[in-house]
Amino acid sequence: MSIPSKLLINSKELKEVLGISKSTAYRYLRQYPDFPKPIKLSQNKTLWNAPKIVEWLENNFQADN
């Protein structure tokens, strides 16, 4: 997985850019205390640090290649 060009992405872009859904990201937040926390800008606007999520996914879910 390559690091996206944008540092912060919205919930819709999680699926497009990183291949995980918003519900999966929130499940990871509950299950894994070290999963990168979202940045809540307002009640309806949440952003995610894409490079940190990519790094976390690579460290925790490495493919068996």
C-alpha atoms as a PDB file:
ATOM      1  CA  MET A   1       0.000   0.000   0.000  1.00  0.00           C
ATOM      2  CA  SER A   2       1.409   3.375  -0.933  1.00  0.00           C
ATOM      3  CA  ILE A   3       1.068   6.544   1.101  1.00  0.00           C
ATOM      4  CA  PRO A   4      -1.660   8.814  -0.312  1.00  0.00           C
ATOM      5  CA  SER A   5      -0.725  12.236  -1.628  1.00  0.00           C
ATOM      6  CA  LYS A   6      -3.074  13.933   0.851  1.00  0.00           C
ATOM      7  CA  LEU A   7      -2.188  13.985   4.527  1.00  0.00           C
ATOM      8  CA  LEU A   8      -5.757  14.276   5.806  1.00  0.00           C
ATOM      9  CA  ILE A   9      -8.667  12.481   4.186  1.00  0.00           C
ATOM     10  CA  ASN A  10     -12.373  12.426   4.929  1.00  0.00           C
ATOM     11  CA  SER A  11     -14.410   9.351   5.782  1.00  0.00           C
ATOM     12  CA  LYS A  12     -15.507   8.792   2.177  1.00  0.00           C
ATOM     13  CA  GLU A  13     -11.887   8.798   1.019  1.00  0.00           C
ATOM     14  CA  LEU A  14     -10.972   6.065   3.527  1.00  0.00           C
ATOM     15  CA  LYS A  15     -12.519   3.510   1.171  1.00  0.00           C
ATOM     16  CA  GLU A  16     -11.293   5.145  -2.045  1.00  0.00           C
ATOM     17  CA  VAL A  17      -7.721   5.768  -0.927  1.00  0.00           C
ATOM     18  CA  LEU A  18      -7.005   3.157   1.747  1.00  0.00           C
ATOM     19  CA  GLY A  19      -9.508   0.415   1.009  1.00  0.00           C
ATOM     20  CA  ILE A  20     -11.193   0.435   4.414  1.00  0.00           C
ATOM     21  CA  SER A  21     -14.686   1.636   5.192  1.00  0.00           C
ATOM     22  CA  LYS A  22     -15.666   4.198   7.794  1.00  0.00           C
ATOM     23  CA  SER A  23     -17.267   1.452   9.902  1.00  0.00           C
ATOM     24  CA  THR A  24     -14.050  -0.603   9.725  1.00  0.00           C
ATOM     25  CA  ALA A  25     -12.000   2.388  10.884  1.00  0.00           C
ATOM     26  CA  TYR A  26     -14.294   2.910  13.869  1.00  0.00           C
ATOM     27  CA  ARG A  27     -14.191  -0.823  14.664  1.00  0.00           C
ATOM     28  CA  TYR A  28     -10.378  -0.667  14.624  1.00  0.00           C
ATOM     29  CA  LEU A  29     -10.577   2.316  17.007  1.00  0.00           C
ATOM     30  CA  ARG A  30     -12.542   0.175  19.472  1.00  0.00           C
ATOM     31  CA  GLN A  31     -10.438  -2.975  19.059  1.00  0.00           C
ATOM     32  CA  TYR A  32      -6.935  -1.537  18.785  1.00  0.00           C
ATOM     33  CA  PRO A  33      -5.852   1.242  21.169  1.00  0.00           C
ATOM     34  CA  ASP A  34      -2.933   2.186  18.927  1.00  0.00           C
ATOM     35  CA  PHE A  35      -5.068   2.793  15.789  1.00  0.00           C
ATOM     36  CA  PRO A  36      -4.672   6.447  14.665  1.00  0.00           C
ATOM     37  CA  LYS A  37      -7.451   8.623  16.063  1.00  0.00           C
ATOM     38  CA  PRO A  38      -9.580  10.771  13.746  1.00  0.00           C
ATOM     39  CA  ILE A  39      -9.525  14.551  13.892  1.00  0.00           C
ATOM     40  CA  LYS A  40     -12.997  15.892  14.649  1.00  0.00           C
ATOM     41  CA  LEU A  41     -13.354  19.357  13.088  1.00  0.00           C
ATOM     42  CA  SER A  42     -17.085  19.712  13.719  1.00  0.00           C
ATOM     43  CA  GLN A  43     -20.123  17.563  14.398  1.00  0.00           C
ATOM     44  CA  ASN A  44     -20.316  16.589  10.720  1.00  0.00           C
ATOM     45  CA  LYS A  45     -16.655  16.776   9.659  1.00  0.00           C
ATOM     46  CA  THR A  46     -14.060  14.161  10.611  1.00  0.00           C
ATOM     47  CA  LEU A  47     -10.646  13.804   8.996  1.00  0.00           C
ATOM     48  CA  TRP A  48      -8.168  10.943   9.184  1.00  0.00           C
ATOM     49  CA  ASN A  49      -4.361  11.036   8.971  1.00  0.00           C
ATOM     50  CA  ALA A  50      -3.841   8.840   5.919  1.00  0.00           C
ATOM     51  CA  PRO A  51      -0.075   8.193   6.250  1.00  0.00           C
ATOM     52  CA  LYS A  52      -0.473   7.132   9.893  1.00  0.00           C
ATOM     53  CA  ILE A  53      -3.298   4.746   8.968  1.00  0.00           C
ATOM     54  CA  VAL A  54      -1.243   3.281   6.111  1.00  0.00           C
ATOM     55  CA  GLU A  55       1.687   2.745   8.475  1.00  0.00           C
ATOM     56  CA  TRP A  56      -0.586   1.152  11.086  1.00  0.00           C
ATOM     57  CA  LEU A  57      -2.198  -1.177   8.521  1.00  0.00           C
ATOM     58  CA  GLU A  58       1.203  -2.234   7.161  1.00  0.00           C
ATOM     59  CA  ASN A  59       2.518  -2.929  10.667  1.00  0.00           C
ATOM     60  CA  ASN A  60      -0.561  -4.835  11.826  1.00  0.00           C
ATOM     61  CA  PHE A  61      -1.877  -6.562   8.704  1.00  0.00           C
ATOM     62  CA  GLN A  62       1.129  -7.514   6.621  1.00  0.00           C
ATOM     63  CA  ALA A  63       0.335  -9.631   3.576  1.00  0.00           C
ATOM     64  CA  ASP A  64       1.845 -13.100   3.328  1.00  0.00           C
ATOM     65  CA  ASN A  65       3.810 -12.578   0.091  1.00  0.00           C
END
